[in-house]
Amino acid sequence: MAAAVQGKCLVVGGGIAGVTCAEQLSLQFPADLVYLLTAAPLVKAVTNVKQVSRTLEEFDVEEQTSGALESQYPNIKVVASAVKELQAAAQTLITEDGTRYHYEQLCLCAGARPRLIVEGNPYVLGIRDTDSAWTFQQHLTRARRVLVVGNGGIALELVYEMEGCEVVWAIKDKSIGNTFFDAGAAEFLIPQLKAEKPQTPLTCKRMKYTTEGGAGAVFLVLGQEDDRLGSALGPDWHEGMDLRAAQEIPRCVHIEAECEVKKILNHPEFKTLNVTASPVPRGEKDSATCDPDDWPVYAVLTNGKVYGCDFVVSATGVFPNVEPFVGGNNFDLGEDGGLTVDDHMRTSVPHVYAAGDVCSTGWTPSPHWQQMRLWSQARQMGCYAAKCMAAERRRENIEMDFCFELFAHVTKFFNYKVILLGKYNGQGLGGDHELLLRCTKGQEYVKVVLQGGRMMGAVLIGDTDLEETFENLILNQMDLSAYGEDLLDPNIDIEDYFD
């Protein structure tokens, strides 16, 4: 007979959102045992948090063993288990080992899985968790050429970090990093792809461990990624990994813009086409490599070009991991397939919350905030969901967390510090906005988005030290019409001016 566990709160997710939720619940109710069940062998923990400004945070994400997390939070108990089925009407969740968890409140933080261009092809790799990242590294050591498909954060980091092989980068947009930048910022960053990458020591922050089991009681935090996938990678995931191939060649990145992958072919299939593979342009004179005829896989692009390579990296977004939960349950889903949540992180199903990549926000957002599936928002949502669950349990009112007033994200691309604030690309503003730009080649790129004389967003690349000032100007909506282009005059100390 299957075991049954009775719990007041059940949270699903061993990634950043789920672990943050578990930690917050353990602090809210220190006398109760918090269960963290995760299908992955490790859990993600946020460390070294640095408050950059009121809404901006920098932090590391470390993979920890259950013992490390339990020693820091004695009332958290980690158990390895995957979710099989949710029976929401009976407020019961069933794991793969047959255990039935009866809950009063459930929060789903199951994350997302890679949106691969081709499923089941051994030469098409997705990078989502640590295991897939290490698999990629092993393939890279023998690679002569890699095709990267996608234009988001993982693709940007990969293309910059890889060395010792040719890289063909296929993007559907006109310029790189379209999710984060405009064309001007892309042009500012591209020279870094040709420059020699500064060498940094390989200090690995993400050690690999074996799985540990466990048992538990009152609070239950369950982790369910896909049973073949762990939790999403955090910031600086590539640190500690040697992303160099075997060839001794200068950095070589060739960008194919405004195209997608039409078809993936193995070597025999390519031969039947009776076409010539496209060479990779290299060097200042645009000379091309001699393309051998022994590539294990070929990618046919929609622009008509065909590139042979050793393997393909599919970095084309993610699907929310909703499959174990939606069958037989009346969840409202967002356009992106995530579980729709209200302004207290509640789904449409009674007693069920959601946070992180698995959810889609259903409330009317602040004028300066939008959802993006980033580790920073996973942390914020996981923490806020736990607070909402605790407030409901105590029958208290809770205001929406201030972090949802302004979109704010700090990261690093191409060895530059990158800060995104508010409607940094004019999202949803239509044509009724203007841009102010300041660019110093090789040092900084500053873009401000204005509407009606008020700052709506900003992109800061490099060490500009403008983030706190711009954050305040977006939040207080001061009329800046009188300042015009002087707003970005490098000879004016804008921080003191608006202090």
Protein backbone atom coordinates (compact mmCIF):
# COMPACT_ATOMS: atom_id res chain seq x y z
CA MET A 1 0.00 0.00 0.00
CA ALA A 2 1.37 3.43 -0.99
CA ALA A 3 2.52 5.70 1.81
CA ALA A 4 0.54 8.85 2.60
CA VAL A 5 1.88 12.10 4.05
CA GLN A 6 -0.29 14.87 5.48
CA GLY A 7 1.06 18.39 5.14
CA LYS A 8 -0.27 21.91 5.48
CA CYS A 9 1.86 23.45 2.70
CA LEU A 10 3.29 21.75 -0.34
CA VAL A 11 5.65 23.56 -2.74
CA VAL A 12 6.97 21.97 -5.93
CA GLY A 13 10.44 22.89 -7.18
CA GLY A 14 14.13 22.28 -6.51
CA GLY A 15 15.30 25.28 -8.53
CA ILE A 16 15.76 28.90 -7.50
CA ALA A 17 12.04 29.62 -7.07
CA GLY A 18 11.29 26.43 -5.14
CA VAL A 19 14.32 26.55 -2.85
CA THR A 20 13.74 30.25 -2.14
CA CYS A 21 10.11 29.44 -1.32
CA ALA A 22 11.22 26.62 1.02
CA GLU A 23 13.71 28.86 2.76
CA GLN A 24 11.13 31.60 3.26
CA LEU A 25 8.58 29.13 4.64
CA SER A 26 11.16 27.75 7.06
CA LEU A 27 11.73 31.29 8.34
CA GLN A 28 8.00 32.07 8.51
CA PHE A 29 7.28 28.89 10.49
CA PRO A 30 10.51 27.84 12.27
CA ALA A 31 8.75 25.24 14.40
CA ASP A 32 7.53 23.30 11.35
CA LEU A 33 9.51 20.88 9.22
CA VAL A 34 9.78 21.94 5.58
CA TYR A 35 10.06 19.17 3.01
CA LEU A 36 12.00 19.78 -0.19
CA LEU A 37 11.43 16.98 -2.70
CA THR A 38 13.48 17.32 -5.87
CA ALA A 39 13.81 15.08 -8.92
CA ALA A 40 17.34 16.45 -9.48
CA PRO A 41 20.29 15.25 -7.36
CA LEU A 42 21.13 18.80 -6.30
CA VAL A 43 19.17 21.91 -5.31
CA LYS A 44 19.80 25.52 -6.31
CA ALA A 45 20.61 27.99 -3.54
CA VAL A 46 21.08 31.75 -3.80
CA THR A 47 24.26 32.99 -2.08
CA ASN A 48 26.34 36.16 -1.77
CA VAL A 49 23.37 38.50 -2.25
CA LYS A 50 24.41 42.10 -2.84
CA GLN A 51 21.82 44.89 -2.88
CA VAL A 52 22.89 47.11 -5.79
CA SER A 53 19.92 49.48 -5.48
CA ARG A 54 16.39 49.38 -4.14
CA THR A 55 15.25 46.86 -6.77
CA LEU A 56 18.52 45.51 -8.19
CA GLU A 57 20.24 42.52 -6.63
CA GLU A 58 23.40 40.68 -7.58
CA PHE A 59 23.85 37.12 -6.33
CA ASP A 60 25.42 33.76 -7.06
CA VAL A 61 23.51 30.55 -7.61
CA GLU A 62 25.17 27.46 -6.18
CA GLU A 63 24.18 23.84 -6.49
CA GLN A 64 24.13 22.30 -3.04
CA THR A 65 23.66 18.85 -1.57
CA SER A 66 20.67 18.24 0.63
CA GLY A 67 23.00 18.17 3.63
CA ALA A 68 24.34 21.65 2.93
CA LEU A 69 20.85 23.12 2.67
CA GLU A 70 19.62 21.25 5.74
CA SER A 71 22.55 22.41 7.84
CA GLN A 72 21.75 26.02 7.00
CA TYR A 73 17.99 25.56 7.52
CA PRO A 74 17.53 22.83 10.17
CA ASN A 75 13.76 22.64 9.64
CA ILE A 76 14.15 21.84 5.91
CA LYS A 77 14.31 18.17 4.95
CA VAL A 78 15.30 17.33 1.36
CA VAL A 79 13.85 14.22 -0.29
CA ALA A 80 14.56 13.09 -3.88
CA SER A 81 11.29 12.38 -5.66
CA ALA A 82 9.57 13.29 -8.93
CA VAL A 83 5.91 14.24 -9.35
CA LYS A 84 3.64 11.83 -11.22
CA GLU A 85 0.17 13.35 -10.85
CA LEU A 86 -1.77 16.16 -9.19
CA GLN A 87 -5.34 15.45 -8.05
CA ALA A 88 -6.33 19.01 -7.17
CA ALA A 89 -9.95 18.22 -6.27
CA ALA A 90 -8.71 15.87 -3.55
CA GLN A 91 -5.80 18.21 -2.67
CA THR A 92 -3.40 15.34 -3.28
CA LEU A 93 -0.11 15.11 -5.12
CA ILE A 94 1.33 11.71 -6.07
CA THR A 95 5.05 11.12 -6.61
CA GLU A 96 6.69 8.52 -8.86
CA ASP A 97 7.32 6.20 -5.92
CA GLY A 98 3.57 6.13 -5.17
CA THR A 99 3.63 8.34 -2.09
CA ARG A 100 0.51 10.49 -1.77
CA TYR A 101 0.92 13.97 -0.30
CA HIS A 102 -2.23 15.58 1.04
CA TYR A 103 -1.94 19.36 1.31
CA GLU A 104 -3.85 22.42 2.42
CA GLN A 105 -1.81 24.74 0.18
CA LEU A 106 0.32 23.85 -2.84
CA CYS A 107 2.84 26.02 -4.69
CA LEU A 108 4.18 24.81 -8.04
CA CYS A 109 7.73 25.96 -8.89
CA ALA A 110 8.52 23.27 -11.45
CA GLY A 111 10.52 25.51 -13.80
CA ALA A 112 10.78 24.97 -17.54
CA ARG A 113 12.49 22.71 -20.09
CA PRO A 114 14.42 23.61 -23.27
CA ARG A 115 12.47 24.24 -26.46
CA LEU A 116 14.66 22.07 -28.74
CA ILE A 117 14.51 22.62 -32.50
CA VAL A 118 14.59 18.81 -32.90
CA GLU A 119 13.72 16.28 -30.22
CA GLY A 120 15.70 13.07 -29.80
CA ASN A 121 18.64 13.91 -32.10
CA PRO A 122 21.96 13.09 -30.34
CA TYR A 123 23.68 15.92 -32.25
CA VAL A 124 21.22 18.58 -31.03
CA LEU A 125 21.93 19.64 -27.45
CA GLY A 126 19.89 21.84 -25.15
CA ILE A 127 21.52 23.57 -22.20
CA ARG A 128 19.23 24.00 -19.23
CA ASP A 129 20.75 22.34 -16.15
CA THR A 130 24.19 21.39 -14.88
CA ASP A 131 24.18 17.88 -16.36
CA SER A 132 23.34 19.19 -19.84
CA ALA A 133 26.02 21.88 -19.47
CA TRP A 134 28.65 19.24 -18.65
CA THR A 135 27.46 17.10 -21.59
CA PHE A 136 27.95 20.13 -23.81
CA GLN A 137 31.47 20.66 -22.43
CA GLN A 138 32.40 17.05 -23.22
CA HIS A 139 31.17 17.42 -26.82
CA LEU A 140 33.04 20.70 -27.17
CA THR A 141 36.47 19.23 -26.37
CA ARG A 142 36.41 17.34 -29.70
CA ALA A 143 34.57 19.95 -31.79
CA ARG A 144 35.87 21.72 -34.87
CA ARG A 145 32.66 23.68 -35.48
CA VAL A 146 29.51 24.31 -33.43
CA LEU A 147 26.22 25.77 -34.66
CA VAL A 148 24.37 27.80 -32.03
CA VAL A 149 20.69 28.50 -32.66
CA GLY A 150 18.94 31.17 -30.58
CA ASN A 151 19.36 34.75 -29.47
CA GLY A 152 18.69 34.77 -25.71
CA GLY A 153 20.91 34.77 -22.65
CA ILE A 154 22.30 31.22 -22.96
CA ALA A 155 23.22 31.78 -26.63
CA LEU A 156 24.92 35.11 -25.85
CA GLU A 157 27.02 33.55 -23.11
CA LEU A 158 27.93 30.47 -25.12
CA VAL A 159 29.03 32.29 -28.24
CA TYR A 160 31.32 34.55 -26.22
CA GLU A 161 32.77 31.85 -23.97
CA MET A 162 33.59 29.16 -26.56
CA GLU A 163 37.16 29.04 -27.89
CA GLY A 164 39.24 26.77 -30.09
CA CYS A 165 36.57 26.06 -32.72
CA GLU A 166 34.47 27.78 -35.34
CA VAL A 167 31.08 29.02 -34.20
CA VAL A 168 28.17 29.64 -36.55
CA TRP A 169 25.44 31.63 -34.79
CA ALA A 170 21.98 31.49 -36.37
CA ILE A 171 19.51 34.10 -35.12
CA LYS A 172 16.00 34.94 -36.32
CA ASP A 173 16.43 38.66 -35.58
CA LYS A 174 18.37 41.38 -37.37
CA SER A 175 20.80 41.87 -34.49
CA ILE A 176 22.21 39.82 -31.62
CA GLY A 177 20.67 39.79 -28.15
CA ASN A 178 17.30 41.02 -29.37
CA THR A 179 15.67 39.91 -26.09
CA PHE A 180 17.87 42.30 -24.14
CA PHE A 181 19.24 44.93 -26.54
CA ASP A 182 18.46 47.15 -29.46
CA ALA A 183 20.59 47.17 -32.62
CA GLY A 184 22.81 49.94 -31.25
CA ALA A 185 23.77 47.95 -28.16
CA ALA A 186 24.39 44.92 -30.38
CA GLU A 187 26.83 46.90 -32.51
CA PHE A 188 28.59 48.07 -29.34
CA LEU A 189 29.06 44.45 -28.19
CA ILE A 190 30.01 42.73 -31.47
CA PRO A 191 33.69 43.84 -31.45
CA GLN A 192 34.11 41.74 -28.30
CA LEU A 193 33.47 38.62 -30.38
CA LYS A 194 36.61 39.34 -32.38
CA ALA A 195 38.77 40.49 -29.47
CA GLU A 196 40.82 38.09 -27.39
CA LYS A 197 38.82 37.03 -24.37
CA PRO A 198 40.50 37.94 -21.05
CA GLN A 199 41.74 34.82 -19.29
CA THR A 200 40.26 34.15 -15.87
CA PRO A 201 41.06 31.31 -13.47
CA LEU A 202 38.66 28.36 -13.46
CA THR A 203 37.15 28.69 -10.00
CA CYS A 204 34.25 26.27 -9.94
CA LYS A 205 31.34 27.39 -7.77
CA ARG A 206 29.16 24.42 -8.68
CA MET A 207 30.56 21.15 -7.45
CA LYS A 208 28.91 17.86 -8.44
CA TYR A 209 27.56 15.63 -5.71
CA THR A 210 25.64 12.40 -5.35
CA THR A 211 21.95 12.25 -4.49
CA GLU A 212 20.83 11.98 -0.89
CA GLY A 213 17.44 10.79 0.30
CA GLY A 214 15.34 11.93 3.23
CA ALA A 215 12.00 11.94 5.03
CA GLY A 216 9.74 14.66 6.39
CA ALA A 217 6.61 16.21 7.96
CA VAL A 218 4.55 19.40 8.09
CA PHE A 219 5.73 21.64 5.23
CA LEU A 220 6.45 19.89 1.94
CA VAL A 221 8.49 21.39 -0.88
CA LEU A 222 8.64 19.07 -3.86
CA GLY A 223 10.95 19.44 -6.86
CA GLN A 224 9.69 18.32 -10.24
CA GLU A 225 11.62 19.23 -13.28
CA ASP A 226 11.47 16.81 -16.18
CA ASP A 227 12.81 13.49 -14.90
CA ARG A 228 15.78 13.87 -17.21
CA LEU A 229 16.42 17.50 -16.31
CA GLY A 230 17.61 19.32 -13.25
CA SER A 231 16.85 22.88 -12.24
CA ALA A 232 17.65 25.82 -14.49
CA LEU A 233 21.14 27.27 -14.65
CA GLY A 234 21.79 30.44 -12.70
CA PRO A 235 23.97 33.47 -13.46
CA ASP A 236 27.60 32.83 -14.44
CA TRP A 237 26.76 29.14 -14.96
CA HIS A 238 29.81 28.69 -17.18
CA GLU A 239 32.29 29.71 -14.50
CA GLY A 240 34.42 26.75 -13.54
CA MET A 241 33.88 25.11 -16.95
CA ASP A 242 36.56 24.95 -19.61
CA LEU A 243 34.71 25.87 -22.80
CA ARG A 244 37.67 25.41 -25.11
CA ALA A 245 37.78 23.02 -28.03
CA ALA A 246 40.95 21.26 -29.15
CA GLN A 247 41.91 23.49 -32.10
CA GLU A 248 44.50 26.23 -31.77
CA ILE A 249 42.69 28.86 -33.83
CA PRO A 250 41.78 32.50 -33.19
CA ARG A 251 38.25 33.29 -32.08
CA CYS A 252 35.92 32.72 -35.03
CA VAL A 253 32.22 33.60 -34.78
CA HIS A 254 30.11 33.91 -37.91
CA ILE A 255 26.59 35.32 -37.53
CA GLU A 256 23.72 34.31 -39.81
CA ALA A 257 20.96 36.83 -39.08
CA GLU A 258 17.24 36.76 -39.94
CA CYS A 259 17.09 33.01 -40.39
CA GLU A 260 16.01 29.84 -38.61
CA VAL A 261 16.86 26.18 -38.88
CA LYS A 262 14.67 24.57 -41.53
CA LYS A 263 15.99 21.02 -41.22
CA ILE A 264 18.64 18.96 -39.42
CA LEU A 265 20.34 16.25 -41.53
CA ASN A 266 22.76 13.48 -40.72
CA HIS A 267 25.68 12.80 -43.08
CA PRO A 268 23.91 10.26 -45.34
CA GLU A 269 20.83 12.50 -45.64
CA PHE A 270 23.04 15.45 -46.60
CA LYS A 271 24.74 13.39 -49.31
CA THR A 272 21.40 12.63 -50.95
CA LEU A 273 20.76 16.39 -51.41
CA ASN A 274 23.76 16.68 -53.72
CA VAL A 275 24.50 20.23 -52.55
CA THR A 276 27.65 21.94 -51.33
CA ALA A 277 27.92 22.93 -47.68
CA SER A 278 28.46 26.63 -46.96
CA PRO A 279 31.97 27.64 -45.87
CA VAL A 280 32.53 29.80 -42.80
CA PRO A 281 33.96 33.25 -43.62
CA ARG A 282 37.09 34.03 -41.61
CA GLY A 283 39.61 36.80 -41.30
CA GLU A 284 39.75 40.42 -42.40
CA LYS A 285 39.73 39.49 -46.09
CA ASP A 286 36.66 37.33 -45.57
CA SER A 287 38.53 34.22 -46.58
CA ALA A 288 36.66 31.01 -45.91
CA THR A 289 37.63 27.76 -44.29
CA CYS A 290 37.98 24.73 -46.47
CA ASP A 291 34.86 22.82 -45.57
CA PRO A 292 35.53 19.10 -45.07
CA ASP A 293 32.98 16.58 -46.17
CA ASP A 294 32.80 14.59 -42.97
CA TRP A 295 30.53 16.53 -40.62
CA PRO A 296 28.27 14.28 -38.55
CA VAL A 297 25.35 16.72 -38.77
CA TYR A 298 24.21 19.48 -41.13
CA ALA A 299 21.77 22.35 -40.58
CA VAL A 300 19.69 23.69 -43.45
CA LEU A 301 18.84 27.35 -42.76
CA THR A 302 15.83 29.23 -44.10
CA ASN A 303 18.18 31.61 -45.95
CA GLY A 304 19.28 28.69 -48.14
CA LYS A 305 22.66 28.07 -46.55
CA VAL A 306 23.73 24.66 -45.28
CA TYR A 307 26.35 24.36 -42.54
CA GLY A 308 28.09 21.19 -41.45
CA CYS A 309 29.14 20.99 -37.82
CA ASP A 310 30.04 18.58 -35.04
CA PHE A 311 26.89 19.38 -33.08
CA VAL A 312 24.11 21.94 -32.73
CA VAL A 313 23.21 23.86 -29.59
CA SER A 314 19.50 24.65 -29.45
CA ALA A 315 19.06 27.75 -27.25
CA THR A 316 15.64 28.80 -28.49
CA GLY A 317 13.69 29.32 -25.29
CA VAL A 318 11.79 27.10 -22.88
CA PHE A 319 8.41 25.45 -22.23
CA PRO A 320 6.91 25.81 -18.74
CA ASN A 321 6.90 22.40 -17.00
CA VAL A 322 3.15 22.04 -16.49
CA GLU A 323 2.54 18.48 -17.74
CA PRO A 324 2.40 16.65 -14.38
CA PHE A 325 -0.21 19.09 -13.07
CA VAL A 326 -2.69 20.10 -15.78
CA GLY A 327 -4.24 16.72 -16.61
CA GLY A 328 -7.75 16.57 -15.12
CA ASN A 329 -7.31 19.93 -13.35
CA ASN A 330 -8.94 23.17 -14.41
CA PHE A 331 -5.88 25.43 -14.65
CA ASP A 332 -5.97 28.65 -16.65
CA LEU A 333 -2.89 28.81 -18.87
CA GLY A 334 -1.14 31.88 -20.27
CA GLU A 335 -0.31 32.39 -23.94
CA ASP A 336 3.15 30.94 -23.29
CA GLY A 337 1.69 27.82 -21.68
CA GLY A 338 2.46 28.74 -18.09
CA LEU A 339 0.05 28.47 -15.16
CA THR A 340 -1.73 31.82 -14.87
CA VAL A 341 -1.35 33.42 -11.43
CA ASP A 342 -3.00 36.46 -9.83
CA ASP A 343 -1.28 39.21 -7.83
CA HIS A 344 -0.96 36.86 -4.85
CA MET A 345 0.63 34.07 -6.96
CA ARG A 346 -2.58 32.02 -6.84
CA THR A 347 -3.57 29.87 -9.82
CA SER A 348 -7.15 29.37 -10.99
CA VAL A 349 -7.32 26.11 -9.01
CA PRO A 350 -8.21 26.56 -5.31
CA HIS A 351 -5.34 26.19 -2.81
CA VAL A 352 -2.70 26.04 -5.59
CA TYR A 353 -0.02 28.73 -6.06
CA ALA A 354 2.77 28.93 -8.66
CA ALA A 355 6.06 30.83 -8.99
CA GLY A 356 9.06 31.09 -11.31
CA ASP A 357 9.35 29.80 -14.87
CA VAL A 358 6.29 27.54 -14.63
CA CYS A 359 3.87 30.45 -14.17
CA SER A 360 2.49 33.27 -16.32
CA THR A 361 1.50 36.48 -14.56
CA GLY A 362 -2.20 37.26 -14.98
CA TRP A 363 -2.42 40.54 -13.11
CA THR A 364 -2.25 44.03 -14.63
CA PRO A 365 1.44 44.87 -14.17
CA SER A 366 3.04 48.12 -13.08
CA PRO A 367 3.80 50.45 -16.03
CA HIS A 368 7.50 49.65 -15.56
CA TRP A 369 7.46 45.88 -15.02
CA GLN A 370 7.15 42.83 -17.26
CA GLN A 371 7.64 39.12 -16.71
CA MET A 372 10.78 37.49 -18.10
CA ARG A 373 11.94 34.00 -17.22
CA LEU A 374 15.12 35.05 -15.45
CA TRP A 375 16.75 33.78 -12.27
CA SER A 376 16.22 37.18 -10.62
CA GLN A 377 12.44 36.91 -11.06
CA ALA A 378 12.44 33.25 -9.97
CA ARG A 379 13.96 34.34 -6.66
CA GLN A 380 11.49 37.21 -6.24
CA MET A 381 8.45 35.11 -7.09
CA GLY A 382 9.47 32.20 -4.87
CA CYS A 383 9.94 34.51 -1.89
CA TYR A 384 6.68 36.41 -2.51
CA ALA A 385 4.66 33.22 -3.04
CA ALA A 386 5.81 31.90 0.36
CA LYS A 387 4.82 35.18 2.01
CA CYS A 388 1.39 35.01 0.34
CA MET A 389 0.90 31.43 1.51
CA ALA A 390 1.88 32.37 5.05
CA ALA A 391 -0.44 35.41 5.01
CA GLU A 392 -3.37 33.29 3.89
CA ARG A 393 -2.66 30.71 6.54
CA ARG A 394 -2.61 33.46 9.19
CA ARG A 395 -5.59 35.21 7.57
CA GLU A 396 -3.57 38.39 7.12
CA ASN A 397 -3.59 40.90 4.27
CA ILE A 398 -0.39 41.32 2.26
CA GLU A 399 0.65 44.04 -0.18
CA MET A 400 2.32 43.12 -3.45
CA ASP A 401 6.09 43.09 -3.07
CA PHE A 402 7.89 46.26 -4.18
CA CYS A 403 10.09 44.25 -6.57
CA PHE A 404 7.11 44.09 -8.96
CA GLU A 405 7.03 47.89 -9.28
CA LEU A 406 10.09 48.04 -11.55
CA PHE A 407 11.68 45.45 -13.81
CA ALA A 408 15.34 45.36 -12.81
CA HIS A 409 17.94 42.81 -13.86
CA VAL A 410 21.73 42.79 -13.66
CA THR A 411 23.89 40.32 -15.57
CA LYS A 412 27.08 40.14 -17.64
CA PHE A 413 27.43 39.69 -21.39
CA PHE A 414 30.67 39.70 -23.38
CA ASN A 415 32.54 40.62 -20.19
CA TYR A 416 30.47 43.80 -19.72
CA LYS A 417 28.20 44.49 -16.78
CA VAL A 418 24.65 44.83 -18.15
CA ILE A 419 21.74 46.43 -16.27
CA LEU A 420 18.19 46.50 -17.62
CA LEU A 421 15.57 48.75 -16.03
CA GLY A 422 11.85 49.18 -16.68
CA LYS A 423 10.69 49.19 -20.30
CA TYR A 424 14.29 49.06 -21.45
CA ASN A 425 13.36 48.23 -25.06
CA GLY A 426 10.21 50.35 -25.14
CA GLN A 427 8.05 47.25 -24.56
CA GLY A 428 4.38 48.09 -25.01
CA LEU A 429 5.02 51.81 -25.52
CA GLY A 430 4.23 51.81 -29.23
CA GLY A 431 5.76 54.59 -31.30
CA ASP A 432 5.05 57.22 -28.66
CA HIS A 433 8.49 57.25 -27.06
CA GLU A 434 11.96 58.62 -27.70
CA LEU A 435 15.47 57.37 -27.03
CA LEU A 436 18.56 59.11 -25.69
CA LEU A 437 21.88 57.39 -26.36
CA ARG A 438 25.44 57.73 -25.11
CA CYS A 439 28.14 55.40 -26.36
CA THR A 440 31.86 55.34 -25.67
CA LYS A 441 33.45 52.64 -27.82
CA GLY A 442 34.82 49.80 -25.75
CA GLN A 443 33.71 51.37 -22.46
CA GLU A 444 29.99 52.02 -22.08
CA TYR A 445 26.63 52.10 -23.79
CA VAL A 446 23.75 54.00 -22.19
CA LYS A 447 20.22 54.12 -23.55
CA VAL A 448 17.28 55.89 -21.93
CA VAL A 449 13.65 55.38 -22.97
CA LEU A 450 11.45 58.46 -22.46
CA GLN A 451 7.71 58.90 -22.90
CA GLY A 452 6.07 62.26 -22.36
CA GLY A 453 9.33 63.54 -20.91
CA ARG A 454 9.41 60.84 -18.23
CA MET A 455 11.90 58.00 -18.02
CA MET A 456 10.32 54.60 -18.68
CA GLY A 457 13.38 52.38 -18.98
CA ALA A 458 17.13 52.18 -19.49
CA VAL A 459 19.93 49.92 -20.71
CA LEU A 460 23.31 50.35 -19.03
CA ILE A 461 26.30 48.44 -20.43
CA GLY A 462 29.66 48.90 -18.71
CA ASP A 463 30.50 50.48 -15.37
CA THR A 464 28.24 53.52 -15.70
CA ASP A 465 27.24 53.92 -12.00
CA LEU A 466 23.91 55.31 -13.22
CA GLU A 467 21.62 52.49 -12.09
CA GLU A 468 20.45 53.96 -8.79
CA THR A 469 19.80 57.40 -10.25
CA PHE A 470 17.89 56.02 -13.23
CA GLU A 471 15.94 53.64 -11.00
CA ASN A 472 14.74 56.61 -8.93
CA LEU A 473 13.88 58.66 -12.04
CA ILE A 474 11.76 55.81 -13.41
CA LEU A 475 9.98 55.26 -10.11
CA ASN A 476 9.25 58.90 -9.27
CA GLN A 477 8.30 59.80 -12.89
CA MET A 478 9.88 63.24 -12.71
CA ASP A 479 9.33 65.35 -15.85
CA LEU A 480 12.74 65.50 -17.55
CA SER A 481 11.67 67.50 -20.63
CA ALA A 482 13.67 70.55 -19.60
CA TYR A 483 16.97 68.64 -19.54
CA GLY A 484 16.90 67.23 -23.07
CA GLU A 485 20.13 65.62 -24.20
CA ASP A 486 21.94 67.08 -21.18
CA LEU A 487 20.49 64.15 -19.28
CA LEU A 488 23.30 61.97 -20.70
CA ASP A 489 26.04 64.61 -20.92
CA PRO A 490 29.14 62.86 -19.54
CA ASN A 491 30.42 66.21 -18.26
CA ILE A 492 27.42 66.57 -15.95
CA ASP A 493 27.41 64.58 -12.71
CA ILE A 494 23.83 63.40 -13.03
CA GLU A 495 23.97 61.51 -9.73
CA ASP A 496 24.54 64.70 -7.77
CA TYR A 497 22.16 66.67 -9.99
CA PHE A 498 19.17 64.50 -9.06
CA ASP A 499 20.29 63.56 -5.55
